[in-house]
Amino acid sequence: MKNILTEIVAHKHVEVATRKQQRPVAELEQSSAFKRVPLSLSTFLLNPEKTGIIAEFKRKSPSRGLINGTATVQDVTMAYTRYGASGLSVLTDEQFFGGSADDLVQARAMNNIPVLRKDFVIDEYQILEAKAIGADVILLIAECLTKEEVARLAAFAHNLGLEVLLEVHSGDQLDKVTDHIQNVGVNNRDLTTFKVDFNRSCELAPRIPAGKCKVAESGISNTDNIVTLKKAGFNGFLIGEHFMKTENPARAFENFVTELSGKLKG
């Protein structure tokens, strides 16, 4: 099977080089969003009045193809916020996920909870872009970055006031965690094959450094999953396709939270 992540990163290098020509750094820094004080995802994840869920807006993916071609950013993200999401994840990759920077701009304008720019960050320019479009958090994927690259990019984000979610898939990748990383996510999906193993999160949870918000990603399809992950020590739960693949993601999220609340109280 071809390595999808390698293909995405190769395309990303070309894409970023083009965007640097189209929109210089000086222009990014003049954006009104560049001047706002970002929200803290880790603080929202630890807030007991929230669900801990980072709910995602995603139209398509390399593994599933089209997920939802009709839902709007405004309707879905506002419902996520209204029913207790701790954060929003918005895909900004166009080529492989059908997202855009404008999706994040719209989500930011309508909501007052942290917004994660979900993309494949390989360059400081993308972090400046994230700040300029209103993101509060960036994703760094350990699988496609060296330890030195993670450290450099995380420090750069920190200096802009942005938080970092470092995504790992194996124990050895935890060596890439630095002081400038507030949130560590365990992706149950292998990004080279896109196969999902839900147990991956629970296996790696005890090895995540103390003081970091633990986030489980991918393969979370029911409320029992979250109960299990909470017992394993996770603070956050990034859910991408589960809501978006339904006809009404807003309603699906509301029902999910109602069911989850009942189980946690019980």
Protein backbone atom coordinates (compact mmCIF):
# COMPACT_ATOMS: atom_id res chain seq x y z
CA MET A 1 0.00 0.00 0.00
CA LYS A 2 1.31 3.45 -0.85
CA ASN A 3 2.30 5.69 2.04
CA ILE A 4 -0.45 8.31 2.03
CA LEU A 5 1.33 10.53 4.56
CA THR A 6 4.44 10.75 2.39
CA GLU A 7 2.29 11.77 -0.58
CA ILE A 8 0.49 14.44 1.46
CA VAL A 9 3.71 15.93 2.87
CA ALA A 10 5.35 16.04 -0.57
CA HIS A 11 2.36 17.95 -1.90
CA LYS A 12 2.39 20.23 1.15
CA HIS A 13 5.95 21.39 0.43
CA VAL A 14 4.90 22.52 -3.05
CA GLU A 15 1.70 24.08 -1.77
CA VAL A 16 3.42 26.09 0.98
CA ALA A 17 6.07 27.39 -1.41
CA THR A 18 3.30 28.67 -3.68
CA ARG A 19 1.39 30.32 -0.85
CA LYS A 20 4.49 32.13 0.37
CA GLN A 21 4.62 33.84 -3.01
CA GLN A 22 0.91 34.67 -2.98
CA ARG A 23 0.69 36.08 0.55
CA PRO A 24 3.90 37.43 2.11
CA VAL A 25 4.53 37.19 5.87
CA ALA A 26 4.14 40.95 6.25
CA GLU A 27 0.59 40.65 4.92
CA LEU A 28 -0.24 37.83 7.33
CA GLU A 29 0.97 39.93 10.24
CA GLN A 30 -1.42 42.75 9.28
CA SER A 31 -4.46 40.48 9.69
CA SER A 32 -6.84 41.53 12.46
CA ALA A 33 -6.85 37.97 13.79
CA PHE A 34 -3.09 38.15 14.19
CA LYS A 35 -3.56 40.64 17.00
CA ARG A 36 -6.10 38.62 19.06
CA VAL A 37 -5.08 36.72 22.17
CA PRO A 38 -5.50 33.00 21.47
CA LEU A 39 -7.59 30.75 23.72
CA SER A 40 -5.98 27.87 25.60
CA LEU A 41 -7.11 24.43 24.45
CA SER A 42 -5.55 22.73 27.47
CA THR A 43 -7.54 24.99 29.80
CA PHE A 44 -10.79 24.20 27.99
CA LEU A 45 -10.03 20.46 28.01
CA LEU A 46 -9.55 20.53 31.78
CA ASN A 47 -12.77 22.50 32.36
CA PRO A 48 -15.18 20.06 34.07
CA GLU A 49 -18.18 21.92 32.64
CA LYS A 50 -17.12 20.94 29.11
CA THR A 51 -17.18 17.53 27.44
CA GLY A 52 -13.48 17.27 26.61
CA ILE A 53 -14.49 16.64 23.01
CA ILE A 54 -12.61 18.37 20.21
CA ALA A 55 -15.25 18.14 17.51
CA GLU A 56 -14.11 18.23 13.92
CA PHE A 57 -15.45 19.75 10.73
CA LYS A 58 -14.24 17.58 7.85
CA ARG A 59 -15.71 17.13 4.38
CA LYS A 60 -13.61 14.25 3.06
CA SER A 61 -10.53 12.15 3.76
CA PRO A 62 -8.13 9.94 1.79
CA SER A 63 -9.43 6.85 3.57
CA ARG A 64 -13.19 7.46 3.23
CA GLY A 65 -13.50 9.82 0.28
CA LEU A 66 -16.46 12.21 0.58
CA ILE A 67 -17.81 12.25 4.15
CA ASN A 68 -20.26 15.13 4.01
CA GLY A 69 -20.75 17.47 1.09
CA THR A 70 -23.74 19.44 2.39
CA ALA A 71 -23.10 20.47 6.02
CA THR A 72 -21.99 24.07 6.56
CA VAL A 73 -19.19 25.25 8.82
CA GLN A 74 -21.44 27.72 10.62
CA ASP A 75 -24.25 25.31 11.46
CA VAL A 76 -22.03 22.44 12.53
CA THR A 77 -19.42 24.32 14.56
CA MET A 78 -22.00 26.49 16.34
CA ALA A 79 -23.86 23.33 17.40
CA TYR A 80 -20.59 21.78 18.60
CA THR A 81 -19.99 24.84 20.76
CA ARG A 82 -23.58 25.07 21.97
CA TYR A 83 -23.65 21.49 23.23
CA GLY A 84 -20.37 21.58 25.12
CA ALA A 85 -17.41 20.92 22.84
CA SER A 86 -14.12 21.89 24.48
CA GLY A 87 -12.60 22.78 21.13
CA LEU A 88 -13.11 22.74 17.38
CA SER A 89 -10.89 21.05 14.84
CA VAL A 90 -11.11 22.47 11.32
CA LEU A 91 -9.41 20.89 8.33
CA THR A 92 -7.63 23.47 6.19
CA ASP A 93 -6.01 21.04 3.72
CA GLU A 94 -7.79 21.35 0.39
CA GLN A 95 -6.15 18.71 -1.80
CA PHE A 96 -6.77 15.67 0.38
CA PHE A 97 -9.47 16.76 2.85
CA GLY A 98 -11.55 19.33 0.97
CA GLY A 99 -10.94 22.03 3.60
CA SER A 100 -9.79 25.63 3.39
CA ALA A 101 -8.49 28.52 5.44
CA ASP A 102 -11.88 30.16 4.95
CA ASP A 103 -13.55 27.27 6.82
CA LEU A 104 -11.45 28.13 9.86
CA VAL A 105 -12.08 31.86 9.49
CA GLN A 106 -15.84 31.17 9.54
CA ALA A 107 -15.56 28.85 12.55
CA ARG A 108 -13.56 31.45 14.43
CA ALA A 109 -16.06 34.21 13.68
CA MET A 110 -19.00 32.18 15.02
CA ASN A 111 -17.48 30.54 18.12
CA ASN A 112 -15.64 31.45 21.30
CA ILE A 113 -13.88 28.19 22.07
CA PRO A 114 -10.38 27.12 20.94
CA VAL A 115 -9.96 26.27 17.26
CA LEU A 116 -7.33 23.79 16.09
CA ARG A 117 -5.93 24.25 12.62
CA LYS A 118 -5.91 20.65 11.41
CA ASP A 119 -3.29 20.43 8.71
CA PHE A 120 0.13 19.01 7.95
CA VAL A 121 2.50 21.63 9.33
CA ILE A 122 6.03 21.45 7.94
CA ASP A 123 7.04 25.13 7.90
CA GLU A 124 6.90 28.20 10.18
CA TYR A 125 4.92 29.99 7.48
CA GLN A 126 1.92 27.72 8.15
CA ILE A 127 2.03 28.70 11.84
CA LEU A 128 1.95 32.38 10.90
CA GLU A 129 -1.00 31.56 8.63
CA ALA A 130 -2.75 29.78 11.49
CA LYS A 131 -2.40 32.87 13.68
CA ALA A 132 -3.59 35.12 10.85
CA ILE A 133 -6.80 33.15 10.25
CA GLY A 134 -7.73 32.95 13.92
CA ALA A 135 -6.50 29.54 15.06
CA ASP A 136 -5.60 28.98 18.72
CA VAL A 137 -3.82 25.67 18.32
CA ILE A 138 -1.70 24.00 15.65
CA LEU A 139 -1.21 20.30 15.00
CA LEU A 140 2.28 18.85 14.70
CA ILE A 141 2.44 15.26 13.48
CA ALA A 142 5.40 13.37 14.95
CA GLU A 143 5.25 10.80 12.15
CA CYS A 144 6.35 13.33 9.52
CA LEU A 145 8.67 15.60 11.54
CA THR A 146 12.08 15.01 13.12
CA LYS A 147 12.62 15.70 16.81
CA GLU A 148 14.47 18.90 15.89
CA GLU A 149 11.69 20.05 13.57
CA VAL A 150 9.06 19.46 16.26
CA ALA A 151 11.10 21.45 18.79
CA ARG A 152 11.64 24.34 16.37
CA LEU A 153 8.04 24.56 15.19
CA ALA A 154 6.62 24.19 18.72
CA ALA A 155 8.84 27.01 20.00
CA PHE A 156 7.79 29.18 17.06
CA ALA A 157 4.11 28.58 17.83
CA HIS A 158 4.69 29.27 21.52
CA ASN A 159 6.27 32.63 20.70
CA LEU A 160 3.09 33.55 18.78
CA GLY A 161 0.90 32.57 21.73
CA LEU A 162 -0.45 29.44 20.06
CA GLU A 163 -0.75 26.08 21.76
CA VAL A 164 0.48 22.85 20.16
CA LEU A 165 -1.15 19.45 19.85
CA LEU A 166 1.60 16.94 19.10
CA GLU A 167 0.17 13.82 17.49
CA VAL A 168 1.99 10.53 18.08
CA HIS A 169 1.25 6.98 17.00
CA SER A 170 4.02 5.03 18.73
CA GLY A 171 5.91 5.12 22.01
CA ASP A 172 9.23 6.18 20.49
CA GLN A 173 7.58 9.34 19.11
CA LEU A 174 6.95 10.55 22.68
CA ASP A 175 10.66 11.47 22.75
CA LYS A 176 9.67 14.44 20.56
CA VAL A 177 7.56 16.08 23.31
CA THR A 178 9.03 19.43 24.47
CA ASP A 179 8.22 22.10 27.06
CA HIS A 180 6.45 24.13 24.35
CA ILE A 181 3.90 21.36 23.74
CA GLN A 182 0.82 21.51 25.96
CA ASN A 183 -1.27 18.72 24.43
CA VAL A 184 -0.20 15.24 23.33
CA GLY A 185 -2.55 13.31 21.09
CA VAL A 186 -2.42 9.58 20.44
CA ASN A 187 -3.74 8.87 16.96
CA ASN A 188 -5.34 5.44 16.83
CA ARG A 189 -5.13 5.69 13.05
CA ASP A 190 -1.83 4.68 11.42
CA LEU A 191 -1.24 7.56 8.99
CA THR A 192 0.82 5.40 6.66
CA THR A 193 -1.95 2.84 6.14
CA PHE A 194 -5.00 4.63 7.67
CA LYS A 195 -5.91 1.50 9.66
CA VAL A 196 -7.42 2.16 13.12
CA ASP A 197 -6.55 0.42 16.39
CA PHE A 198 -8.59 1.90 19.25
CA ASN A 199 -6.40 0.25 21.91
CA ARG A 200 -3.39 2.32 20.84
CA SER A 201 -4.45 5.26 23.06
CA CYS A 202 -4.82 3.17 26.21
CA GLU A 203 -1.46 1.47 25.60
CA LEU A 204 0.42 4.77 25.29
CA ALA A 205 -1.48 6.81 27.92
CA PRO A 206 0.81 5.92 30.85
CA ARG A 207 3.87 6.95 28.84
CA ILE A 208 2.71 10.49 28.03
CA PRO A 209 4.81 12.94 30.08
CA ALA A 210 3.21 14.35 33.22
CA GLY A 211 1.71 17.81 32.94
CA LYS A 212 0.52 17.36 29.35
CA CYS A 213 -3.14 17.20 28.35
CA LYS A 214 -3.77 13.72 26.97
CA VAL A 215 -5.88 13.61 23.82
CA ALA A 216 -7.18 10.47 22.11
CA GLU A 217 -7.73 10.73 18.36
CA SER A 218 -9.54 8.61 15.76
CA GLY A 219 -11.68 5.52 16.13
CA ILE A 220 -13.91 7.06 18.82
CA SER A 221 -17.36 5.97 17.70
CA ASN A 222 -19.47 5.71 20.85
CA THR A 223 -19.81 7.09 24.37
CA ASP A 224 -18.42 3.92 25.95
CA ASN A 225 -15.14 4.69 24.17
CA ILE A 226 -14.93 8.00 26.00
CA VAL A 227 -15.75 6.43 29.38
CA THR A 228 -12.90 3.97 28.78
CA LEU A 229 -10.49 6.69 27.68
CA LYS A 230 -11.34 8.88 30.69
CA LYS A 231 -10.45 5.97 32.97
CA ALA A 232 -7.14 5.67 31.11
CA GLY A 233 -6.38 9.30 31.98
CA PHE A 234 -7.36 11.15 28.82
CA ASN A 235 -8.58 14.75 29.03
CA GLY A 236 -9.49 15.25 25.38
CA PHE A 237 -11.16 13.28 22.63
CA LEU A 238 -10.77 14.38 19.02
CA ILE A 239 -13.71 13.05 17.01
CA GLY A 240 -13.60 13.56 13.27
CA GLU A 241 -15.82 11.38 11.10
CA HIS A 242 -18.36 10.08 13.60
CA PHE A 243 -20.53 13.20 13.53
CA MET A 244 -19.69 14.42 10.03
CA LYS A 245 -20.72 11.17 8.35
CA THR A 246 -24.32 11.61 9.54
CA GLU A 247 -26.98 13.54 7.67
CA ASN A 248 -27.21 16.04 10.55
CA PRO A 249 -23.85 16.38 12.39
CA ALA A 250 -25.28 19.00 14.78
CA ARG A 251 -28.07 16.66 15.92
CA ALA A 252 -25.67 13.72 16.11
CA PHE A 253 -23.35 15.68 18.40
CA GLU A 254 -26.21 16.81 20.63
CA ASN A 255 -27.46 13.23 21.03
CA PHE A 256 -23.94 11.94 21.69
CA VAL A 257 -23.33 14.52 24.46
CA THR A 258 -26.71 13.79 26.07
CA GLU A 259 -25.91 10.07 26.14
CA LEU A 260 -22.38 10.69 27.43
CA SER A 261 -23.62 12.96 30.20
CA GLY A 262 -26.01 10.28 31.38
CA LYS A 263 -23.27 7.66 31.55
CA LEU A 264 -20.81 9.90 33.37
CA LYS A 265 -23.42 10.90 35.95
CA GLY A 266 -24.50 7.32 36.39
